[in-house]
Each structure stands twice: as structure tokens, then as C-alpha cells.
Amino acid sequence: MSMRSYFFLALFLLFLGLSTPTEELTSARLKQLVKSGKNGMVKFCQEWCTKCARTQEDWDKLATLVKDSVFIGYVNCGKEKEFCKERGADKGCYTIQYWKDGMELEYNGSQGYHAMTTFVNTMLSQKCQIASLDSTCSVKAQGYVKKWSSKSLIETKKEYARLKRLDSPDLAPDLSDWIQERTSILDQIIYNLKSEM
């Protein structure tokens, strides 16, 4: 092994040893998360993989930004050899798989932070539904629902139009997702207000 390989191995092990927002998953923990009904995305990596070490910062950022309905984690294939082998994640240094509605799928999209954030928020996040507020909405979204449920139809429509004007492809993915969640909530409130008339 070259000196450079030892350096990257040490760097990767350092990343694993530090406190990180990305949960290191065992096979039992991953099965528990999937069984809970959550969707999620998991990076399977080898201890010697330099790409894993280089992408850890983006992976941690992704883990802190996703909604509560999605889990983000990684499996250390050096520790979970059999588990990785069962999933075909033992053939290279880096594999990403995701779970949607209990189904395990391989992620083949771009591995850049913005692309993965968009994928997670559009494909894996459960949308806030007013009818099941406690189970589908974050605490912040619940507060937003309570705030706007007490407003008039005209006020709510104005806020909806304002947020729609703000949304654009040039926005950062987390801001765009925030706006889309809020417009979805307002859309549901407007529907409910019209139904009451």
C-alpha cells in the first residue's frame, strides 16, 4: 500500500471516528429503519475508499437537511461484510442504495450534493398532509399550518401567489423544497377553505 493510500485510509477512519450527523448503520439498524416505514438513502463504503472520505462532508450536509420522514446513513462494509455482500455492495468501494415504500433500489443518479438533495426531497420525502398533521409534517410545518389555517381565503391565496413567484430553478435545493412544501400546505388550506363555503 502506498503512502498516499495510508493517508486516505487514515483520513477516512478519522471521519468515521468523529461525531457525524450521518448515522453509521448496522444491518439490524437498517432493517429497523426500513421496517418503520421511512424512506431512506444509504452509502455502502469500504474503509479504504478515498471517494467515501471525499464525499462525507456532502453526505453529512444531506443528513442534516432532509426531513424527518427520510433516513440518511452509511454502512461500513469493512465491518458489515456479509450484509454488503448480500446487497451487491461489496464489488466496489462506493455504492448508494435507497429505500422507497419498503423497496430497495440502487441509486444511479448524480452523486453531487444538489442532485442528491433534490432526489431525496422529491422522491423520498413524505409530503406534509394536513389530514395527518402529526405523522407527516415536521414541527415547523405544523406551526405553519396552524398559522395559515386561521387566515382568510384571500390572505392565504396572496401568500400562495407570493411563494409561487419566489420559486425558481436557480434557488438552492433546500430553499426550493421549503417553498414547495409551504405552497403544498397552502394549497390544501385553500381547498379546505373553499370546501367550507
N, C-alpha and C. Protein backbone atom coordinates (compact mmCIF):
# COMPACT_ATOMS: atom_id res chain seq x y z
N MET A 1 0.85 -1.17 0.00
CA MET A 1 0.00 0.00 0.00
C MET A 1 0.90 1.23 0.00
N SER A 2 0.56 2.21 -0.85
CA SER A 2 1.39 3.40 -0.96
C SER A 2 1.14 4.34 0.22
N MET A 3 2.01 5.29 0.38
CA MET A 3 1.89 6.27 1.45
C MET A 3 0.60 7.08 1.28
N ARG A 4 0.27 7.39 0.04
CA ARG A 4 -0.96 8.14 -0.24
C ARG A 4 -2.20 7.33 0.19
N SER A 5 -2.19 6.04 -0.08
CA SER A 5 -3.31 5.18 0.33
C SER A 5 -3.47 5.15 1.84
N TYR A 6 -2.33 5.08 2.55
CA TYR A 6 -2.38 5.11 4.01
C TYR A 6 -2.96 6.43 4.51
N PHE A 7 -2.59 7.52 3.84
CA PHE A 7 -3.11 8.83 4.22
C PHE A 7 -4.63 8.87 4.09
N PHE A 8 -5.14 8.43 2.94
CA PHE A 8 -6.59 8.46 2.72
C PHE A 8 -7.33 7.48 3.64
N LEU A 9 -6.71 6.35 3.92
CA LEU A 9 -7.30 5.41 4.86
C LEU A 9 -7.39 6.04 6.25
N ALA A 10 -6.34 6.69 6.67
CA ALA A 10 -6.33 7.36 7.97
C ALA A 10 -7.37 8.48 8.01
N LEU A 11 -7.47 9.22 6.90
CA LEU A 11 -8.46 10.29 6.80
C LEU A 11 -9.88 9.73 6.91
N PHE A 12 -10.15 8.64 6.21
CA PHE A 12 -11.47 8.01 6.25
C PHE A 12 -11.78 7.51 7.66
N LEU A 13 -10.82 6.87 8.29
CA LEU A 13 -11.04 6.37 9.65
C LEU A 13 -11.27 7.52 10.63
N LEU A 14 -10.59 8.63 10.39
CA LEU A 14 -10.80 9.81 11.20
C LEU A 14 -12.23 10.31 11.04
N PHE A 15 -12.71 10.35 9.78
CA PHE A 15 -14.10 10.75 9.53
C PHE A 15 -15.07 9.84 10.27
N LEU A 16 -14.82 8.55 10.25
CA LEU A 16 -15.71 7.61 10.91
C LEU A 16 -15.69 7.77 12.42
N GLY A 17 -14.54 8.14 12.94
CA GLY A 17 -14.41 8.27 14.39
C GLY A 17 -14.97 9.56 14.95
N LEU A 18 -15.07 10.60 14.13
CA LEU A 18 -15.59 11.87 14.59
C LEU A 18 -17.10 11.84 14.67
N SER A 19 -17.64 12.72 15.47
CA SER A 19 -19.09 12.84 15.54
C SER A 19 -19.59 13.34 14.20
N THR A 20 -20.56 12.65 13.65
CA THR A 20 -21.07 12.99 12.34
C THR A 20 -22.59 12.90 12.35
N PRO A 21 -23.26 13.79 11.61
CA PRO A 21 -24.71 13.71 11.56
C PRO A 21 -25.22 12.48 10.81
N THR A 22 -24.35 11.88 10.01
CA THR A 22 -24.74 10.69 9.27
C THR A 22 -24.57 9.48 10.17
N GLU A 23 -25.64 8.75 10.35
CA GLU A 23 -25.61 7.58 11.23
C GLU A 23 -24.91 6.41 10.56
N GLU A 24 -23.96 5.79 11.28
CA GLU A 24 -23.38 4.54 10.79
C GLU A 24 -24.37 3.43 11.11
N LEU A 25 -24.77 2.70 10.08
CA LEU A 25 -25.82 1.71 10.24
C LEU A 25 -25.26 0.29 10.28
N THR A 26 -25.79 -0.48 11.18
CA THR A 26 -25.53 -1.92 11.18
C THR A 26 -26.67 -2.54 10.38
N SER A 27 -26.55 -3.80 10.05
CA SER A 27 -27.62 -4.46 9.30
C SER A 27 -28.92 -4.43 10.11
N ALA A 28 -28.84 -4.65 11.43
CA ALA A 28 -30.03 -4.64 12.27
C ALA A 28 -30.69 -3.26 12.30
N ARG A 29 -29.88 -2.20 12.41
CA ARG A 29 -30.43 -0.84 12.47
C ARG A 29 -31.08 -0.47 11.14
N LEU A 30 -30.46 -0.82 10.02
CA LEU A 30 -31.04 -0.51 8.71
C LEU A 30 -32.38 -1.23 8.54
N LYS A 31 -32.42 -2.50 8.92
CA LYS A 31 -33.68 -3.25 8.82
C LYS A 31 -34.76 -2.60 9.68
N GLN A 32 -34.38 -2.10 10.85
CA GLN A 32 -35.33 -1.43 11.75
C GLN A 32 -35.87 -0.15 11.10
N LEU A 33 -35.00 0.63 10.48
CA LEU A 33 -35.43 1.87 9.83
C LEU A 33 -36.39 1.58 8.67
N VAL A 34 -36.05 0.59 7.85
CA VAL A 34 -36.89 0.24 6.71
C VAL A 34 -38.26 -0.26 7.21
N LYS A 35 -38.22 -1.07 8.25
CA LYS A 35 -39.46 -1.63 8.81
C LYS A 35 -40.35 -0.52 9.40
N SER A 36 -39.76 0.59 9.83
CA SER A 36 -40.52 1.70 10.41
C SER A 36 -41.39 2.41 9.37
N GLY A 37 -41.14 2.13 8.09
CA GLY A 37 -41.92 2.77 7.03
C GLY A 37 -41.25 3.99 6.43
N LYS A 38 -40.10 4.36 6.97
CA LYS A 38 -39.40 5.52 6.42
C LYS A 38 -38.73 5.16 5.09
N ASN A 39 -38.63 6.14 4.21
CA ASN A 39 -37.80 6.01 3.03
C ASN A 39 -36.40 6.47 3.42
N GLY A 40 -35.39 6.05 2.66
CA GLY A 40 -34.05 6.47 3.03
C GLY A 40 -33.02 6.20 1.97
N MET A 41 -31.82 6.70 2.22
CA MET A 41 -30.70 6.57 1.30
C MET A 41 -29.48 6.17 2.12
N VAL A 42 -28.74 5.18 1.61
CA VAL A 42 -27.59 4.64 2.35
C VAL A 42 -26.40 4.53 1.42
N LYS A 43 -25.26 4.97 1.94
CA LYS A 43 -23.98 4.84 1.23
C LYS A 43 -23.27 3.63 1.82
N PHE A 44 -22.96 2.66 0.97
CA PHE A 44 -22.18 1.49 1.37
C PHE A 44 -20.75 1.77 0.94
N CYS A 45 -19.82 1.73 1.88
CA CYS A 45 -18.45 2.08 1.52
C CYS A 45 -17.43 1.18 2.21
N GLN A 46 -16.29 1.12 1.60
CA GLN A 46 -15.15 0.37 2.14
C GLN A 46 -14.25 1.35 2.89
N GLU A 47 -13.58 0.85 3.90
CA GLU A 47 -12.70 1.71 4.70
C GLU A 47 -11.58 2.35 3.88
N TRP A 48 -11.16 1.67 2.83
CA TRP A 48 -10.04 2.16 2.04
C TRP A 48 -10.46 3.09 0.91
N CYS A 49 -11.74 3.34 0.75
CA CYS A 49 -12.25 4.11 -0.38
C CYS A 49 -12.04 5.61 -0.17
N THR A 50 -11.23 6.21 -1.02
CA THR A 50 -10.97 7.64 -0.91
C THR A 50 -12.19 8.46 -1.32
N LYS A 51 -13.00 7.95 -2.24
CA LYS A 51 -14.19 8.68 -2.68
C LYS A 51 -15.18 8.82 -1.51
N CYS A 52 -15.27 7.78 -0.68
CA CYS A 52 -16.15 7.86 0.50
C CYS A 52 -15.69 8.99 1.42
N ALA A 53 -14.41 9.08 1.64
CA ALA A 53 -13.87 10.12 2.51
C ALA A 53 -14.12 11.51 1.92
N ARG A 54 -13.93 11.63 0.61
CA ARG A 54 -14.12 12.94 -0.04
C ARG A 54 -15.58 13.38 -0.03
N THR A 55 -16.52 12.46 -0.08
CA THR A 55 -17.94 12.82 -0.16
C THR A 55 -18.62 12.89 1.21
N GLN A 56 -17.90 12.59 2.28
CA GLN A 56 -18.51 12.54 3.61
C GLN A 56 -19.12 13.88 4.02
N GLU A 57 -18.46 14.97 3.70
CA GLU A 57 -18.97 16.29 4.09
C GLU A 57 -20.34 16.54 3.43
N ASP A 58 -20.47 16.25 2.14
CA ASP A 58 -21.75 16.42 1.45
C ASP A 58 -22.80 15.47 2.02
N TRP A 59 -22.38 14.25 2.34
CA TRP A 59 -23.30 13.26 2.90
C TRP A 59 -23.82 13.73 4.26
N ASP A 60 -22.94 14.31 5.08
CA ASP A 60 -23.34 14.85 6.38
C ASP A 60 -24.30 16.02 6.22
N LYS A 61 -24.02 16.89 5.25
CA LYS A 61 -24.90 18.02 4.98
C LYS A 61 -26.29 17.53 4.57
N LEU A 62 -26.32 16.52 3.72
CA LEU A 62 -27.58 15.93 3.28
C LEU A 62 -28.35 15.37 4.48
N ALA A 63 -27.65 14.70 5.38
CA ALA A 63 -28.29 14.10 6.56
C ALA A 63 -28.92 15.15 7.47
N THR A 64 -28.33 16.33 7.54
CA THR A 64 -28.88 17.38 8.41
C THR A 64 -30.04 18.13 7.77
N LEU A 65 -30.13 18.11 6.44
CA LEU A 65 -31.16 18.89 5.76
C LEU A 65 -32.44 18.13 5.44
N VAL A 66 -32.39 16.81 5.42
CA VAL A 66 -33.57 16.05 5.00
C VAL A 66 -34.65 16.09 6.06
N LYS A 67 -35.84 15.83 5.62
CA LYS A 67 -36.99 15.84 6.52
C LYS A 67 -36.98 14.59 7.41
N ASP A 68 -37.75 14.66 8.48
CA ASP A 68 -37.81 13.56 9.45
C ASP A 68 -38.32 12.26 8.85
N SER A 69 -39.01 12.35 7.72
CA SER A 69 -39.58 11.14 7.11
C SER A 69 -38.55 10.33 6.35
N VAL A 70 -37.31 10.81 6.26
CA VAL A 70 -36.26 10.14 5.49
C VAL A 70 -35.05 9.89 6.38
N PHE A 71 -34.45 8.71 6.24
CA PHE A 71 -33.20 8.44 6.94
C PHE A 71 -32.05 8.47 5.95
N ILE A 72 -30.91 8.97 6.41
CA ILE A 72 -29.68 9.00 5.63
C ILE A 72 -28.62 8.33 6.49
N GLY A 73 -27.90 7.39 5.93
CA GLY A 73 -26.88 6.70 6.71
C GLY A 73 -25.80 6.11 5.82
N TYR A 74 -24.85 5.47 6.46
CA TYR A 74 -23.82 4.75 5.71
C TYR A 74 -23.54 3.43 6.41
N VAL A 75 -23.10 2.48 5.61
CA VAL A 75 -22.71 1.17 6.14
C VAL A 75 -21.23 0.99 5.85
N ASN A 76 -20.47 0.70 6.87
CA ASN A 76 -19.05 0.42 6.72
C ASN A 76 -18.92 -1.05 6.33
N CYS A 77 -18.63 -1.29 5.05
CA CYS A 77 -18.57 -2.66 4.55
C CYS A 77 -17.38 -3.44 5.10
N GLY A 78 -16.43 -2.75 5.71
CA GLY A 78 -15.34 -3.44 6.39
C GLY A 78 -15.85 -4.14 7.65
N LYS A 79 -16.86 -3.56 8.28
CA LYS A 79 -17.46 -4.14 9.48
C LYS A 79 -18.65 -5.05 9.15
N GLU A 80 -19.39 -4.72 8.11
CA GLU A 80 -20.62 -5.42 7.75
C GLU A 80 -20.43 -6.17 6.42
N LYS A 81 -19.41 -7.00 6.35
CA LYS A 81 -19.05 -7.68 5.10
C LYS A 81 -20.19 -8.50 4.50
N GLU A 82 -20.80 -9.36 5.28
CA GLU A 82 -21.87 -10.22 4.77
C GLU A 82 -23.08 -9.41 4.32
N PHE A 83 -23.42 -8.40 5.10
CA PHE A 83 -24.56 -7.55 4.78
C PHE A 83 -24.34 -6.83 3.45
N CYS A 84 -23.14 -6.32 3.24
CA CYS A 84 -22.81 -5.64 1.99
C CYS A 84 -22.81 -6.63 0.83
N LYS A 85 -22.30 -7.82 1.06
CA LYS A 85 -22.26 -8.84 0.02
C LYS A 85 -23.68 -9.22 -0.42
N GLU A 86 -24.59 -9.36 0.54
CA GLU A 86 -25.99 -9.69 0.23
C GLU A 86 -26.63 -8.65 -0.68
N ARG A 87 -26.19 -7.41 -0.59
CA ARG A 87 -26.76 -6.32 -1.38
C ARG A 87 -25.96 -6.00 -2.62
N GLY A 88 -24.92 -6.75 -2.88
CA GLY A 88 -24.08 -6.49 -4.05
C GLY A 88 -23.25 -5.23 -3.90
N ALA A 89 -23.09 -4.78 -2.68
CA ALA A 89 -22.35 -3.55 -2.41
C ALA A 89 -20.90 -3.83 -2.05
N ASP A 90 -20.45 -5.04 -2.30
CA ASP A 90 -19.08 -5.42 -1.94
C ASP A 90 -18.16 -5.43 -3.15
N LYS A 91 -18.67 -5.08 -4.32
CA LYS A 91 -17.88 -5.19 -5.54
C LYS A 91 -17.00 -3.98 -5.81
N GLY A 92 -17.33 -2.84 -5.27
CA GLY A 92 -16.54 -1.64 -5.47
C GLY A 92 -16.30 -0.96 -4.14
N CYS A 93 -15.85 0.27 -4.22
CA CYS A 93 -15.57 0.97 -2.97
C CYS A 93 -16.76 1.80 -2.51
N TYR A 94 -17.75 2.00 -3.37
CA TYR A 94 -18.77 3.00 -3.06
C TYR A 94 -20.05 2.66 -3.80
N THR A 95 -21.12 2.41 -3.08
CA THR A 95 -22.43 2.13 -3.68
C THR A 95 -23.48 2.89 -2.89
N ILE A 96 -24.45 3.45 -3.59
CA ILE A 96 -25.56 4.13 -2.92
C ILE A 96 -26.84 3.39 -3.27
N GLN A 97 -27.59 3.06 -2.25
CA GLN A 97 -28.89 2.43 -2.45
C GLN A 97 -29.93 3.24 -1.68
N TYR A 98 -31.17 3.11 -2.13
CA TYR A 98 -32.23 3.81 -1.40
C TYR A 98 -33.43 2.90 -1.23
N TRP A 99 -34.25 3.26 -0.26
CA TRP A 99 -35.47 2.51 0.06
C TRP A 99 -36.65 3.44 -0.11
N LYS A 100 -37.60 3.00 -0.89
CA LYS A 100 -38.83 3.76 -1.10
C LYS A 100 -40.00 2.81 -0.92
N ASP A 101 -40.86 3.12 0.01
CA ASP A 101 -42.03 2.29 0.31
C ASP A 101 -41.62 0.84 0.56
N GLY A 102 -40.51 0.65 1.26
CA GLY A 102 -40.04 -0.69 1.62
C GLY A 102 -39.24 -1.40 0.54
N MET A 103 -39.18 -0.83 -0.66
CA MET A 103 -38.43 -1.47 -1.75
C MET A 103 -37.00 -0.94 -1.79
N GLU A 104 -36.06 -1.85 -1.94
CA GLU A 104 -34.65 -1.50 -2.02
C GLU A 104 -34.26 -1.31 -3.48
N LEU A 105 -33.66 -0.15 -3.79
CA LEU A 105 -33.29 0.17 -5.17
C LEU A 105 -31.88 0.75 -5.20
N GLU A 106 -31.20 0.59 -6.33
CA GLU A 106 -29.86 1.17 -6.46
C GLU A 106 -29.98 2.57 -7.03
N TYR A 107 -29.26 3.50 -6.42
CA TYR A 107 -29.25 4.89 -6.88
C TYR A 107 -28.20 5.03 -7.97
N ASN A 108 -28.63 5.48 -9.15
CA ASN A 108 -27.71 5.65 -10.28
C ASN A 108 -27.61 7.10 -10.73
N GLY A 109 -28.17 8.01 -9.96
CA GLY A 109 -28.14 9.42 -10.33
C GLY A 109 -26.82 10.08 -10.00
N SER A 110 -26.78 11.36 -10.24
CA SER A 110 -25.58 12.14 -9.94
C SER A 110 -25.30 12.09 -8.44
N GLN A 111 -24.05 12.06 -8.07
CA GLN A 111 -23.68 11.97 -6.67
C GLN A 111 -23.28 13.31 -6.09
N GLY A 112 -23.59 14.38 -6.81
CA GLY A 112 -23.35 15.72 -6.29
C GLY A 112 -24.38 16.07 -5.23
N TYR A 113 -24.01 16.95 -4.34
CA TYR A 113 -24.87 17.32 -3.22
C TYR A 113 -26.25 17.82 -3.68
N HIS A 114 -26.28 18.75 -4.63
CA HIS A 114 -27.55 19.33 -5.06
C HIS A 114 -28.44 18.28 -5.72
N ALA A 115 -27.88 17.42 -6.53
CA ALA A 115 -28.67 16.38 -7.20
C ALA A 115 -29.24 15.40 -6.18
N MET A 116 -28.44 15.00 -5.21
CA MET A 116 -28.93 14.06 -4.20
C MET A 116 -29.98 14.71 -3.30
N THR A 117 -29.79 15.98 -2.95
CA THR A 117 -30.78 16.68 -2.14
C THR A 117 -32.12 16.76 -2.87
N THR A 118 -32.06 17.10 -4.14
CA THR A 118 -33.29 17.17 -4.95
C THR A 118 -33.95 15.81 -5.03
N PHE A 119 -33.16 14.76 -5.26
CA PHE A 119 -33.71 13.41 -5.33
C PHE A 119 -34.39 13.02 -4.03
N VAL A 120 -33.72 13.24 -2.92
CA VAL A 120 -34.27 12.86 -1.62
C VAL A 120 -35.56 13.64 -1.34
N ASN A 121 -35.55 14.94 -1.60
CA ASN A 121 -36.71 15.76 -1.28
C ASN A 121 -37.89 15.52 -2.22
N THR A 122 -37.63 15.17 -3.47
CA THR A 122 -38.74 14.95 -4.39
C THR A 122 -39.19 13.50 -4.44
N MET A 123 -38.28 12.57 -4.27
CA MET A 123 -38.63 11.15 -4.44
C MET A 123 -38.83 10.40 -3.12
N LEU A 124 -38.16 10.81 -2.05
CA LEU A 124 -38.19 10.03 -0.82
C LEU A 124 -38.95 10.70 0.33
N SER A 125 -38.95 12.02 0.37
CA SER A 125 -39.63 12.70 1.47
C SER A 125 -41.13 12.54 1.36
N GLN A 126 -41.73 12.24 2.49
CA GLN A 126 -43.19 12.20 2.53
C GLN A 126 -43.68 13.62 2.67
N LYS A 127 -44.65 13.97 1.88
CA LYS A 127 -45.16 15.34 1.89
C LYS A 127 -46.07 15.57 3.09
N CYS A 128 -46.05 16.78 3.56
CA CYS A 128 -46.89 17.17 4.69
C CYS A 128 -48.36 17.15 4.27
N GLN A 129 -49.15 16.38 4.97
CA GLN A 129 -50.58 16.28 4.70
C GLN A 129 -51.34 16.80 5.92
N ILE A 130 -52.15 17.81 5.71
CA ILE A 130 -52.88 18.42 6.82
C ILE A 130 -53.78 17.41 7.51
N ALA A 131 -54.34 16.49 6.75
CA ALA A 131 -55.25 15.50 7.33
C ALA A 131 -54.55 14.59 8.34
N SER A 132 -53.25 14.41 8.18
CA SER A 132 -52.48 13.60 9.14
C SER A 132 -51.26 14.39 9.59
N LEU A 133 -51.54 15.54 10.14
CA LEU A 133 -50.55 16.54 10.53
C LEU A 133 -49.41 15.99 11.39
N ASP A 134 -49.76 15.29 12.46
CA ASP A 134 -48.75 14.81 13.40
C ASP A 134 -47.80 13.79 12.80
N SER A 135 -48.28 12.96 11.90
CA SER A 135 -47.43 11.89 11.37
C SER A 135 -46.69 12.25 10.09
N THR A 136 -47.13 13.30 9.37
CA THR A 136 -46.47 13.60 8.09
C THR A 136 -45.78 14.96 8.04
N CYS A 137 -45.99 15.80 9.04
CA CYS A 137 -45.44 17.15 8.99
C CYS A 137 -44.42 17.38 10.09
N SER A 138 -43.36 18.10 9.73
CA SER A 138 -42.36 18.47 10.74
C SER A 138 -43.00 19.45 11.72
N VAL A 139 -42.33 19.70 12.82
CA VAL A 139 -42.83 20.63 13.83
C VAL A 139 -43.00 22.02 13.21
N LYS A 140 -42.03 22.44 12.39
CA LYS A 140 -42.11 23.76 11.74
C LYS A 140 -43.30 23.81 10.79
N ALA A 141 -43.50 22.74 10.01
CA ALA A 141 -44.62 22.69 9.08
C ALA A 141 -45.95 22.71 9.83
N GLN A 142 -46.00 22.04 10.97
CA GLN A 142 -47.23 22.06 11.79
C GLN A 142 -47.54 23.48 12.25
N GLY A 143 -46.51 24.21 12.65
CA GLY A 143 -46.70 25.60 13.06
C GLY A 143 -47.19 26.46 11.90
N TYR A 144 -46.67 26.20 10.72
CA TYR A 144 -47.08 26.93 9.52
C TYR A 144 -48.55 26.65 9.21
N VAL A 145 -48.96 25.39 9.33
CA VAL A 145 -50.36 25.00 9.10
C VAL A 145 -51.26 25.74 10.09
N LYS A 146 -50.88 25.74 11.36
CA LYS A 146 -51.70 26.41 12.38
C LYS A 146 -51.81 27.91 12.10
N LYS A 147 -50.70 28.53 11.71
CA LYS A 147 -50.70 29.96 11.42
C LYS A 147 -51.65 30.29 10.26
N TRP A 148 -51.53 29.56 9.17
CA TRP A 148 -52.29 29.90 7.97
C TRP A 148 -53.71 29.34 7.97
N SER A 149 -54.00 28.40 8.82
CA SER A 149 -55.38 27.87 8.90
C SER A 149 -56.33 28.90 9.52
N SER A 150 -55.76 29.85 10.24
CA SER A 150 -56.60 30.87 10.88
C SER A 150 -56.77 32.11 10.00
N LYS A 151 -56.14 32.14 8.84
CA LYS A 151 -56.22 33.31 7.94
C LYS A 151 -57.41 33.17 7.00
N SER A 152 -57.74 34.27 6.35
CA SER A 152 -58.85 34.26 5.40
C SER A 152 -58.39 33.63 4.07
N LEU A 153 -59.36 33.30 3.24
CA LEU A 153 -59.07 32.72 1.93
C LEU A 153 -58.26 33.70 1.09
N ILE A 154 -58.60 34.98 1.14
CA ILE A 154 -57.89 35.99 0.34
C ILE A 154 -56.43 36.10 0.79
N GLU A 155 -56.20 36.17 2.10
CA GLU A 155 -54.83 36.26 2.63
C GLU A 155 -54.01 35.03 2.23
N THR A 156 -54.64 33.88 2.33
CA THR A 156 -53.94 32.62 2.03
C THR A 156 -53.59 32.54 0.55
N LYS A 157 -54.50 32.97 -0.31
CA LYS A 157 -54.23 32.98 -1.76
C LYS A 157 -53.09 33.95 -2.10
N LYS A 158 -53.05 35.11 -1.42
CA LYS A 158 -51.97 36.08 -1.65
C LYS A 158 -50.62 35.49 -1.26
N GLU A 159 -50.57 34.80 -0.12
CA GLU A 159 -49.32 34.17 0.32
C GLU A 159 -48.90 33.07 -0.65
N TYR A 160 -49.87 32.29 -1.11
CA TYR A 160 -49.60 31.24 -2.09
C TYR A 160 -48.98 31.83 -3.36
N ALA A 161 -49.58 32.90 -3.87
CA ALA A 161 -49.07 33.55 -5.10
C ALA A 161 -47.67 34.12 -4.86
N ARG A 162 -47.45 34.71 -3.69
CA ARG A 162 -46.13 35.28 -3.36
C ARG A 162 -45.06 34.19 -3.37
N LEU A 163 -45.34 33.06 -2.74
CA LEU A 163 -44.37 31.96 -2.69
C LEU A 163 -44.13 31.37 -4.08
N LYS A 164 -45.17 31.26 -4.88
CA LYS A 164 -45.02 30.73 -6.24
C LYS A 164 -44.10 31.61 -7.07
N ARG A 165 -44.20 32.93 -6.88
CA ARG A 165 -43.33 33.86 -7.61
C ARG A 165 -41.87 33.71 -7.18
N LEU A 166 -41.65 33.36 -5.91
CA LEU A 166 -40.29 33.22 -5.39
C LEU A 166 -39.58 31.97 -5.92
N ASP A 167 -40.33 30.92 -6.18
CA ASP A 167 -39.74 29.64 -6.56
C ASP A 167 -39.15 29.73 -7.97
N SER A 168 -37.93 29.26 -8.12
CA SER A 168 -37.29 29.25 -9.43
C SER A 168 -36.20 28.17 -9.44
N PRO A 169 -35.80 27.71 -10.63
CA PRO A 169 -34.76 26.67 -10.71
C PRO A 169 -33.40 27.13 -10.18
N ASP A 170 -33.22 28.45 -10.04
CA ASP A 170 -31.94 28.98 -9.58
C ASP A 170 -31.77 28.94 -8.07
N LEU A 171 -32.83 28.65 -7.35
CA LEU A 171 -32.75 28.60 -5.88
C LEU A 171 -31.97 27.38 -5.41
N ALA A 172 -31.38 27.50 -4.25
CA ALA A 172 -30.73 26.35 -3.61
C ALA A 172 -31.80 25.29 -3.36
N PRO A 173 -31.45 24.01 -3.47
CA PRO A 173 -32.46 22.95 -3.31
C PRO A 173 -33.23 23.01 -2.00
N ASP A 174 -32.57 23.32 -0.89
CA ASP A 174 -33.28 23.34 0.39
C ASP A 174 -34.30 24.48 0.45
N LEU A 175 -33.98 25.64 -0.13
CA LEU A 175 -34.92 26.75 -0.16
C LEU A 175 -36.10 26.44 -1.09
N SER A 176 -35.81 25.87 -2.24
CA SER A 176 -36.86 25.48 -3.17
C SER A 176 -37.79 24.45 -2.54
N ASP A 177 -37.23 23.48 -1.84
CA ASP A 177 -38.04 22.46 -1.17
C ASP A 177 -38.91 23.09 -0.09
N TRP A 178 -38.35 24.06 0.64
CA TRP A 178 -39.11 24.76 1.67
C TRP A 178 -40.31 25.46 1.05
N ILE A 179 -40.08 26.17 -0.06
CA ILE A 179 -41.17 26.88 -0.74
C ILE A 179 -42.21 25.89 -1.27
N GLN A 180 -41.76 24.80 -1.85
CA GLN A 180 -42.70 23.80 -2.38
C GLN A 180 -43.54 23.17 -1.26
N GLU A 181 -42.92 22.92 -0.13
CA GLU A 181 -43.68 22.37 0.99
C GLU A 181 -44.73 23.38 1.46
N ARG A 182 -44.34 24.64 1.56
CA ARG A 182 -45.27 25.68 2.02
C ARG A 182 -46.41 25.87 1.02
N THR A 183 -46.12 25.87 -0.28
CA THR A 183 -47.20 26.05 -1.27
C THR A 183 -48.13 24.84 -1.26
N SER A 184 -47.59 23.66 -1.01
CA SER A 184 -48.43 22.46 -0.91
C SER A 184 -49.38 22.58 0.29
N ILE A 185 -48.85 23.06 1.40
CA ILE A 185 -49.67 23.26 2.59
C ILE A 185 -50.76 24.30 2.32
N LEU A 186 -50.37 25.42 1.71
CA LEU A 186 -51.34 26.47 1.42
C LEU A 186 -52.41 25.98 0.44
N ASP A 187 -51.99 25.18 -0.52
CA ASP A 187 -52.93 24.61 -1.48
C ASP A 187 -54.00 23.78 -0.76
N GLN A 188 -53.56 22.99 0.21
CA GLN A 188 -54.51 22.18 0.99
C GLN A 188 -55.43 23.06 1.84
N ILE A 189 -54.88 24.12 2.43
CA ILE A 189 -55.69 25.04 3.24
C ILE A 189 -56.72 25.74 2.36
N ILE A 190 -56.29 26.19 1.18
CA ILE A 190 -57.22 26.87 0.26
C ILE A 190 -58.35 25.91 -0.15
N TYR A 191 -58.00 24.68 -0.43
CA TYR A 191 -59.02 23.68 -0.78
C TYR A 191 -60.02 23.51 0.36
N ASN A 192 -59.51 23.40 1.57
CA ASN A 192 -60.38 23.24 2.76
C ASN A 192 -61.27 24.45 2.96
N LEU A 193 -60.71 25.67 2.79
CA LEU A 193 -61.49 26.89 2.96
C LEU A 193 -62.60 26.98 1.92
N LYS A 194 -62.28 26.62 0.68
CA LYS A 194 -63.30 26.63 -0.38
C LYS A 194 -64.39 25.61 -0.11
N SER A 195 -64.01 24.47 0.44
CA SER A 195 -64.99 23.41 0.75
C SER A 195 -65.97 23.84 1.82
N GLU A 196 -65.51 24.73 2.72
CA GLU A 196 -66.36 25.19 3.81
C GLU A 196 -67.36 26.26 3.36
N MET A 197 -67.17 26.83 2.20
CA MET A 197 -68.04 27.92 1.71
C MET A 197 -69.36 27.39 1.20
